[in-house]
Amino acid sequence: MKSSAHSLILVLFPLFSFIFIDFTAVSQVTQKEILPQFKSNISIDPYNILSSWDRSKDQCRDFNGVPCNSNRNVVNIVPWNTSLAGVLLPALSGLKSLRILTLRNRFTGNIPSEYRQIENTLEDQFELQCSIRNGFEGEIVDTEICNKRLEVFDGSMNRLNGEIPLSISNCNALKFLDLGFNSLNGSIPIEVVGLKRLLICRLGNNSIYGIVPVGFGSIELLEVLELLCTQVL
């Protein structure tokens, strides 16, 4: 593990999840339908944050929290700490240029498996933040087909259970992995050692056990390995 004299300050826009689809293009008409579909599944919007998400309006100019790129494709959806509540729909996986999806609110249910399929066409990272005050539950979606741009995966402070999937090794662009404060069990899979770009790995406050896999020290860029309140030796 590489030591460092400088402090590392991160703002995690998570990450735990990925959105990849099999489409080569998504028309403006389709994009304009996707966001209202997302809105339709929101049960609580106390500050009317999504009131501007109307089919009659321009999504890039008028939709709150939805910046677009020069091609008028949605790149970020950031309803940050707005107390939105509801269940996620798979439809957002149709946004081919999405880079940041921030879900720091009160969503519940499962993280749609379709979110693994987001393969944006940019040379940029993909970040999915679903931590802080949400209630996502169930097992972590299998990462057999992992977005090659996925650098931030933050699923902390939810109700995720089960084991960390062995296929996590397919997310070889990961730099920030935070699964703390969940109900995960099992041991840390040796496959995590294959994440050679990993800078921060937080797995604390779970029911995981066993020993730290041999080879963690070979992740040269690793700055933080946090295992507080676990049974890992």
C-alpha atoms as a PDB file:
ATOM      1  CA  MET A   1       0.000   0.000   0.000  1.00  0.00           C
ATOM      2  CA  LYS A   2       1.456   3.310  -1.044  1.00  0.00           C
ATOM      3  CA  SER A   3       1.919   5.848   1.723  1.00  0.00           C
ATOM      4  CA  SER A   4       1.294   9.518   1.133  1.00  0.00           C
ATOM      5  CA  ALA A   5       2.288  12.693   2.932  1.00  0.00           C
ATOM      6  CA  HIS A   6      -0.643  14.640   1.627  1.00  0.00           C
ATOM      7  CA  SER A   7      -4.234  14.387   2.761  1.00  0.00           C
ATOM      8  CA  LEU A   8      -6.855  13.172   0.366  1.00  0.00           C
ATOM      9  CA  ILE A   9     -10.222  14.885   0.467  1.00  0.00           C
ATOM     10  CA  LEU A  10     -13.011  13.307  -1.544  1.00  0.00           C
ATOM     11  CA  VAL A  11     -16.534  14.235  -2.390  1.00  0.00           C
ATOM     12  CA  LEU A  12     -18.127  10.949  -3.354  1.00  0.00           C
ATOM     13  CA  PHE A  13     -20.897  11.358  -5.871  1.00  0.00           C
ATOM     14  CA  PRO A  14     -21.278   7.629  -5.669  1.00  0.00           C
ATOM     15  CA  LEU A  15     -21.203   5.377  -7.209  1.00  0.00           C
ATOM     16  CA  PHE A  16     -22.692   1.930  -6.722  1.00  0.00           C
ATOM     17  CA  SER A  17     -24.092   1.318  -9.739  1.00  0.00           C
ATOM     18  CA  PHE A  18     -23.757   1.504 -13.269  1.00  0.00           C
ATOM     19  CA  ILE A  19     -25.980   2.027 -16.119  1.00  0.00           C
ATOM     20  CA  PHE A  20     -25.283   0.361 -19.373  1.00  0.00           C
ATOM     21  CA  ILE A  21     -27.601  -0.241 -22.225  1.00  0.00           C
ATOM     22  CA  ASP A  22     -27.432  -1.816 -25.587  1.00  0.00           C
ATOM     23  CA  PHE A  23     -28.497   1.300 -27.475  1.00  0.00           C
ATOM     24  CA  THR A  24     -26.179   3.110 -29.885  1.00  0.00           C
ATOM     25  CA  ALA A  25     -28.158   6.342 -29.663  1.00  0.00           C
ATOM     26  CA  VAL A  26     -30.989   7.873 -27.703  1.00  0.00           C
ATOM     27  CA  SER A  27     -33.081  10.470 -29.496  1.00  0.00           C
ATOM     28  CA  GLN A  28     -34.046  13.760 -27.933  1.00  0.00           C
ATOM     29  CA  VAL A  29     -37.669  12.630 -27.919  1.00  0.00           C
ATOM     30  CA  THR A  30     -36.689   9.517 -25.978  1.00  0.00           C
ATOM     31  CA  GLN A  31     -34.589  11.485 -23.503  1.00  0.00           C
ATOM     32  CA  LYS A  32     -37.443  13.890 -22.951  1.00  0.00           C
ATOM     33  CA  GLU A  33     -39.678  10.959 -22.050  1.00  0.00           C
ATOM     34  CA  ILE A  34     -37.180   9.255 -19.730  1.00  0.00           C
ATOM     35  CA  LEU A  35     -36.957  12.045 -17.157  1.00  0.00           C
ATOM     36  CA  PRO A  36     -40.744  12.438 -16.717  1.00  0.00           C
ATOM     37  CA  GLN A  37     -40.899   8.641 -16.301  1.00  0.00           C
ATOM     38  CA  PHE A  38     -38.390   8.966 -13.472  1.00  0.00           C
ATOM     39  CA  LYS A  39     -40.481  11.770 -11.971  1.00  0.00           C
ATOM     40  CA  SER A  40     -43.668   9.709 -12.164  1.00  0.00           C
ATOM     41  CA  ASN A  41     -42.217   7.202  -9.707  1.00  0.00           C
ATOM     42  CA  ILE A  42     -41.359   9.845  -7.102  1.00  0.00           C
ATOM     43  CA  SER A  43     -43.883   9.653  -4.282  1.00  0.00           C
ATOM     44  CA  ILE A  44     -42.623  12.600  -2.218  1.00  0.00           C
ATOM     45  CA  ASP A  45     -41.129  15.851  -3.518  1.00  0.00           C
ATOM     46  CA  PRO A  46     -41.546  18.263  -0.566  1.00  0.00           C
ATOM     47  CA  TYR A  47     -39.679  21.156  -2.192  1.00  0.00           C
ATOM     48  CA  ASN A  48     -41.183  20.702  -5.689  1.00  0.00           C
ATOM     49  CA  ILE A  49     -37.702  20.162  -7.069  1.00  0.00           C
ATOM     50  CA  LEU A  50     -39.059  18.241 -10.039  1.00  0.00           C
ATOM     51  CA  SER A  51     -41.890  20.651 -10.852  1.00  0.00           C
ATOM     52  CA  SER A  52     -39.910  21.878 -13.857  1.00  0.00           C
ATOM     53  CA  TRP A  53     -39.637  18.353 -15.291  1.00  0.00           C
ATOM     54  CA  ASP A  54     -42.498  18.844 -17.699  1.00  0.00           C
ATOM     55  CA  ARG A  55     -42.754  17.374 -21.188  1.00  0.00           C
ATOM     56  CA  SER A  56     -43.730  20.784 -22.536  1.00  0.00           C
ATOM     57  CA  LYS A  57     -40.410  22.302 -21.425  1.00  0.00           C
ATOM     58  CA  ASP A  58     -36.853  22.094 -22.690  1.00  0.00           C
ATOM     59  CA  GLN A  59     -34.985  19.484 -20.634  1.00  0.00           C
ATOM     60  CA  CYS A  60     -31.569  21.106 -21.017  1.00  0.00           C
ATOM     61  CA  ARG A  61     -32.716  24.651 -20.312  1.00  0.00           C
ATOM     62  CA  ASP A  62     -35.633  24.219 -17.916  1.00  0.00           C
ATOM     63  CA  PHE A  63     -35.282  20.930 -16.006  1.00  0.00           C
ATOM     64  CA  ASN A  64     -33.903  21.621 -12.541  1.00  0.00           C
ATOM     65  CA  GLY A  65     -30.681  19.729 -11.746  1.00  0.00           C
ATOM     66  CA  VAL A  66     -30.234  18.365 -15.273  1.00  0.00           C
ATOM     67  CA  PRO A  67     -27.270  19.869 -17.169  1.00  0.00           C
ATOM     68  CA  CYS A  68     -26.620  18.782 -20.747  1.00  0.00           C
ATOM     69  CA  ASN A  69     -23.564  18.686 -22.994  1.00  0.00           C
ATOM     70  CA  SER A  70     -23.048  20.542 -26.268  1.00  0.00           C
ATOM     71  CA  ASN A  71     -24.977  17.803 -28.077  1.00  0.00           C
ATOM     72  CA  ARG A  72     -27.970  18.399 -25.791  1.00  0.00           C
ATOM     73  CA  ASN A  73     -27.604  15.020 -24.128  1.00  0.00           C
ATOM     74  CA  VAL A  74     -28.214  14.778 -20.387  1.00  0.00           C
ATOM     75  CA  VAL A  75     -24.900  14.326 -18.552  1.00  0.00           C
ATOM     76  CA  ASN A  76     -25.808  14.810 -14.874  1.00  0.00           C
ATOM     77  CA  ILE A  77     -28.869  14.242 -12.694  1.00  0.00           C
ATOM     78  CA  VAL A  78     -28.206  15.823  -9.331  1.00  0.00           C
ATOM     79  CA  PRO A  79     -31.265  16.157  -7.032  1.00  0.00           C
ATOM     80  CA  TRP A  80     -28.883  16.498  -4.061  1.00  0.00           C
ATOM     81  CA  ASN A  81     -30.376  16.244  -0.534  1.00  0.00           C
ATOM     82  CA  THR A  82     -33.832  17.301  -1.643  1.00  0.00           C
ATOM     83  CA  SER A  83     -35.772  14.663   0.384  1.00  0.00           C
ATOM     84  CA  LEU A  84     -37.145  12.993  -2.718  1.00  0.00           C
ATOM     85  CA  ALA A  85     -38.693   9.622  -1.971  1.00  0.00           C
ATOM     86  CA  GLY A  86     -39.702   6.840  -4.305  1.00  0.00           C
ATOM     87  CA  VAL A  87     -38.513   3.781  -6.177  1.00  0.00           C
ATOM     88  CA  LEU A  88     -36.033   3.901  -9.031  1.00  0.00           C
ATOM     89  CA  LEU A  89     -37.081   2.922 -12.531  1.00  0.00           C
ATOM     90  CA  PRO A  90     -34.713   1.259 -15.035  1.00  0.00           C
ATOM     91  CA  ALA A  91     -35.520   3.931 -17.634  1.00  0.00           C
ATOM     92  CA  LEU A  92     -32.559   6.149 -16.693  1.00  0.00           C
ATOM     93  CA  SER A  93     -30.283   3.539 -18.259  1.00  0.00           C
ATOM     94  CA  GLY A  94     -31.375   5.007 -21.596  1.00  0.00           C
ATOM     95  CA  LEU A  95     -29.363   8.186 -21.071  1.00  0.00           C
ATOM     96  CA  LYS A  96     -26.269   7.359 -23.095  1.00  0.00           C
ATOM     97  CA  SER A  97     -24.191  10.364 -22.005  1.00  0.00           C
ATOM     98  CA  LEU A  98     -24.943  10.243 -18.290  1.00  0.00           C
ATOM     99  CA  ARG A  99     -21.838  10.842 -16.155  1.00  0.00           C
ATOM    100  CA  ILE A 100     -23.163  11.608 -12.677  1.00  0.00           C
ATOM    101  CA  LEU A 101     -26.309  10.298 -11.013  1.00  0.00           C
ATOM    102  CA  THR A 102     -26.657  11.564  -7.448  1.00  0.00           C
ATOM    103  CA  LEU A 103     -29.349   9.910  -5.320  1.00  0.00           C
ATOM    104  CA  ARG A 104     -28.708  11.321  -1.852  1.00  0.00           C
ATOM    105  CA  ASN A 105     -32.352  11.351  -0.857  1.00  0.00           C
ATOM    106  CA  ARG A 106     -34.860   8.791   0.472  1.00  0.00           C
ATOM    107  CA  PHE A 107     -35.137   6.215  -2.282  1.00  0.00           C
ATOM    108  CA  THR A 108     -36.022   2.643  -1.374  1.00  0.00           C
ATOM    109  CA  GLY A 109     -36.232  -0.738  -3.052  1.00  0.00           C
ATOM    110  CA  ASN A 110     -33.558  -2.226  -5.267  1.00  0.00           C
ATOM    111  CA  ILE A 111     -31.011  -0.477  -7.436  1.00  0.00           C
ATOM    112  CA  PRO A 112     -32.125  -1.519 -10.960  1.00  0.00           C
ATOM    113  CA  SER A 113     -29.767  -4.048 -12.509  1.00  0.00           C
ATOM    114  CA  GLU A 114     -30.028  -2.108 -15.772  1.00  0.00           C
ATOM    115  CA  TYR A 115     -27.868   0.559 -14.171  1.00  0.00           C
ATOM    116  CA  ARG A 116     -24.905  -1.726 -14.856  1.00  0.00           C
ATOM    117  CA  GLN A 117     -25.350  -0.999 -18.521  1.00  0.00           C
ATOM    118  CA  ILE A 118     -24.641   2.704 -18.666  1.00  0.00           C
ATOM    119  CA  GLU A 119     -21.847   2.971 -21.161  1.00  0.00           C
ATOM    120  CA  ASN A 120     -21.447   6.633 -21.845  1.00  0.00           C
ATOM    121  CA  THR A 121     -19.739   7.683 -25.020  1.00  0.00           C
ATOM    122  CA  LEU A 122     -17.449  10.189 -23.314  1.00  0.00           C
ATOM    123  CA  GLU A 123     -13.887   9.647 -22.195  1.00  0.00           C
ATOM    124  CA  ASP A 124     -15.046  10.507 -18.696  1.00  0.00           C
ATOM    125  CA  GLN A 125     -15.716   8.664 -15.487  1.00  0.00           C
ATOM    126  CA  PHE A 126     -19.165   7.568 -14.437  1.00  0.00           C
ATOM    127  CA  GLU A 127     -20.283   8.250 -10.886  1.00  0.00           C
ATOM    128  CA  LEU A 128     -23.357   6.932  -9.119  1.00  0.00           C
ATOM    129  CA  GLN A 129     -24.074   8.150  -5.617  1.00  0.00           C
ATOM    130  CA  CYS A 130     -26.813   6.358  -3.728  1.00  0.00           C
ATOM    131  CA  SER A 131     -25.604   6.861  -0.171  1.00  0.00           C
ATOM    132  CA  ILE A 132     -26.835   8.984   2.738  1.00  0.00           C
ATOM    133  CA  ARG A 133     -30.389   8.584   4.018  1.00  0.00           C
ATOM    134  CA  ASN A 134     -31.567   6.244   1.279  1.00  0.00           C
ATOM    135  CA  GLY A 135     -33.034   2.839   1.996  1.00  0.00           C
ATOM    136  CA  PHE A 136     -31.799   0.741  -0.898  1.00  0.00           C
ATOM    137  CA  GLU A 137     -31.976  -2.914  -0.007  1.00  0.00           C
ATOM    138  CA  GLY A 138     -31.219  -6.329  -1.388  1.00  0.00           C
ATOM    139  CA  GLU A 139     -28.004  -7.729  -2.753  1.00  0.00           C
ATOM    140  CA  ILE A 140     -25.496  -5.717  -4.730  1.00  0.00           C
ATOM    141  CA  VAL A 141     -26.247  -6.132  -8.409  1.00  0.00           C
ATOM    142  CA  ASP A 142     -23.868  -8.504 -10.143  1.00  0.00           C
ATOM    143  CA  THR A 143     -21.074  -6.613 -11.853  1.00  0.00           C
ATOM    144  CA  GLU A 144     -20.305  -9.180 -14.543  1.00  0.00           C
ATOM    145  CA  ILE A 145     -20.786  -6.470 -17.143  1.00  0.00           C
ATOM    146  CA  CYS A 146     -19.257  -3.465 -15.428  1.00  0.00           C
ATOM    147  CA  ASN A 147     -19.107  -0.012 -16.943  1.00  0.00           C
ATOM    148  CA  LYS A 148     -15.480   0.503 -17.939  1.00  0.00           C
ATOM    149  CA  ARG A 149     -15.849   4.179 -16.953  1.00  0.00           C
ATOM    150  CA  LEU A 150     -17.134   3.481 -13.448  1.00  0.00           C
ATOM    151  CA  GLU A 151     -14.694   5.140 -11.043  1.00  0.00           C
ATOM    152  CA  VAL A 152     -16.906   5.914  -8.049  1.00  0.00           C
ATOM    153  CA  PHE A 153     -19.133   3.306  -6.431  1.00  0.00           C
ATOM    154  CA  ASP A 154     -20.771   4.544  -3.226  1.00  0.00           C
ATOM    155  CA  GLY A 155     -23.570   2.458  -1.769  1.00  0.00           C
ATOM    156  CA  SER A 156     -22.945   3.321   1.851  1.00  0.00           C
ATOM    157  CA  MET A 157     -25.618   3.899   4.506  1.00  0.00           C
ATOM    158  CA  ASN A 158     -28.317   1.757   2.950  1.00  0.00           C
ATOM    159  CA  ARG A 159     -29.711  -1.711   3.699  1.00  0.00           C
ATOM    160  CA  LEU A 160     -27.693  -3.705   1.189  1.00  0.00           C
ATOM    161  CA  ASN A 161     -27.137  -7.328   2.177  1.00  0.00           C
ATOM    162  CA  GLY A 162     -25.515 -10.485   0.902  1.00  0.00           C
ATOM    163  CA  GLU A 163     -21.893 -10.778  -0.117  1.00  0.00           C
ATOM    164  CA  ILE A 164     -19.666  -8.535  -2.190  1.00  0.00           C
ATOM    165  CA  PRO A 165     -19.923 -10.105  -5.673  1.00  0.00           C
ATOM    166  CA  LEU A 166     -16.840 -11.856  -7.034  1.00  0.00           C
ATOM    167  CA  SER A 167     -17.397 -10.050 -10.318  1.00  0.00           C
ATOM    168  CA  ILE A 168     -16.391  -6.768  -8.650  1.00  0.00           C
ATOM    169  CA  SER A 169     -13.021  -7.357 -10.316  1.00  0.00           C
ATOM    170  CA  ASN A 170     -14.616  -6.437 -13.650  1.00  0.00           C
ATOM    171  CA  CYS A 171     -14.931  -2.848 -12.420  1.00  0.00           C
ATOM    172  CA  ASN A 172     -11.251  -2.294 -13.027  1.00  0.00           C
ATOM    173  CA  ALA A 173     -11.548   1.501 -13.316  1.00  0.00           C
ATOM    174  CA  LEU A 174     -12.807   1.843  -9.727  1.00  0.00           C
ATOM    175  CA  LYS A 175     -10.993   4.395  -7.607  1.00  0.00           C
ATOM    176  CA  PHE A 176     -13.480   4.890  -4.758  1.00  0.00           C
ATOM    177  CA  LEU A 177     -15.422   1.984  -3.259  1.00  0.00           C
ATOM    178  CA  ASP A 178     -17.643   2.708  -0.251  1.00  0.00           C
ATOM    179  CA  LEU A 179     -20.025   0.027   1.043  1.00  0.00           C
ATOM    180  CA  GLY A 180     -19.919   1.037   4.678  1.00  0.00           C
ATOM    181  CA  PHE A 181     -22.922   1.000   7.033  1.00  0.00           C
ATOM    182  CA  ASN A 182     -24.904  -1.777   5.367  1.00  0.00           C
ATOM    183  CA  SER A 183     -25.736  -5.393   6.246  1.00  0.00           C
ATOM    184  CA  LEU A 184     -23.195  -7.117   4.035  1.00  0.00           C
ATOM    185  CA  ASN A 185     -21.829 -10.472   5.145  1.00  0.00           C
ATOM    186  CA  GLY A 186     -19.282 -13.027   4.026  1.00  0.00           C
ATOM    187  CA  SER A 187     -15.605 -12.412   3.507  1.00  0.00           C
ATOM    188  CA  ILE A 188     -13.821  -9.864   1.339  1.00  0.00           C
ATOM    189  CA  PRO A 189     -13.368 -11.566  -2.032  1.00  0.00           C
ATOM    190  CA  ILE A 190      -9.812 -11.922  -3.281  1.00  0.00           C
ATOM    191  CA  GLU A 191     -11.072 -10.382  -6.518  1.00  0.00           C
ATOM    192  CA  VAL A 192     -10.985  -6.934  -4.887  1.00  0.00           C
ATOM    193  CA  VAL A 193      -7.201  -7.149  -5.055  1.00  0.00           C
ATOM    194  CA  GLY A 194      -7.529  -6.874  -8.830  1.00  0.00           C
ATOM    195  CA  LEU A 195      -8.757  -3.296  -8.574  1.00  0.00           C
ATOM    196  CA  LYS A 196      -5.373  -1.751  -9.237  1.00  0.00           C
ATOM    197  CA  ARG A 197      -6.626   1.845  -9.467  1.00  0.00           C
ATOM    198  CA  LEU A 198      -8.334   1.747  -6.084  1.00  0.00           C
ATOM    199  CA  LEU A 199      -7.577   4.732  -3.843  1.00  0.00           C
ATOM    200  CA  ILE A 200     -10.168   4.328  -1.108  1.00  0.00           C
ATOM    201  CA  CYS A 201     -11.961   1.179   0.054  1.00  0.00           C
ATOM    202  CA  ARG A 202     -14.486   1.544   2.895  1.00  0.00           C
ATOM    203  CA  LEU A 203     -16.239  -1.613   4.053  1.00  0.00           C
ATOM    204  CA  GLY A 204     -16.737  -0.824   7.740  1.00  0.00           C
ATOM    205  CA  ASN A 205     -19.880  -1.299   9.811  1.00  0.00           C
ATOM    206  CA  ASN A 206     -20.940  -4.508   8.078  1.00  0.00           C
ATOM    207  CA  SER A 207     -21.089  -8.148   9.152  1.00  0.00           C
ATOM    208  CA  ILE A 208     -18.175  -9.193   6.986  1.00  0.00           C
ATOM    209  CA  TYR A 209     -15.519 -11.454   8.513  1.00  0.00           C
ATOM    210  CA  GLY A 210     -12.340 -13.375   7.773  1.00  0.00           C
ATOM    211  CA  ILE A 211      -8.966 -11.942   6.894  1.00  0.00           C
ATOM    212  CA  VAL A 212      -7.804  -9.193   4.590  1.00  0.00           C
ATOM    213  CA  PRO A 213      -6.999 -10.948   1.296  1.00  0.00           C
ATOM    214  CA  VAL A 214      -3.339 -11.464   0.546  1.00  0.00           C
ATOM    215  CA  GLY A 215      -2.339  -8.964  -2.092  1.00  0.00           C
ATOM    216  CA  PHE A 216      -4.068  -5.861  -0.766  1.00  0.00           C
ATOM    217  CA  GLY A 217      -0.636  -4.429  -0.127  1.00  0.00           C
ATOM    218  CA  SER A 218       0.121  -4.726  -3.836  1.00  0.00           C
ATOM    219  CA  ILE A 219      -2.522  -2.134  -4.716  1.00  0.00           C
ATOM    220  CA  GLU A 220       0.028   0.637  -5.028  1.00  0.00           C
ATOM    221  CA  LEU A 221      -2.402   3.554  -5.181  1.00  0.00           C
ATOM    222  CA  LEU A 222      -4.469   2.497  -2.166  1.00  0.00           C
ATOM    223  CA  GLU A 223      -4.591   5.258   0.456  1.00  0.00           C
ATOM    224  CA  VAL A 224      -7.425   4.102   2.738  1.00  0.00           C
ATOM    225  CA  LEU A 225      -8.712   0.669   3.738  1.00  0.00           C
ATOM    226  CA  GLU A 226     -11.418   1.119   6.374  1.00  0.00           C
ATOM    227  CA  LEU A 227     -12.803  -1.964   8.142  1.00  0.00           C
ATOM    228  CA  LEU A 228     -14.107  -0.546  11.430  1.00  0.00           C
ATOM    229  CA  CYS A 229     -16.813  -2.531  13.232  1.00  0.00           C
ATOM    230  CA  THR A 230     -16.320  -5.693  11.211  1.00  0.00           C
ATOM    231  CA  GLN A 231     -14.872  -9.105  12.094  1.00  0.00           C
ATOM    232  CA  VAL A 232     -12.098  -8.832   9.536  1.00  0.00           C
ATOM    233  CA  LEU A 233      -8.610  -9.477  10.898  1.00  0.00           C
END
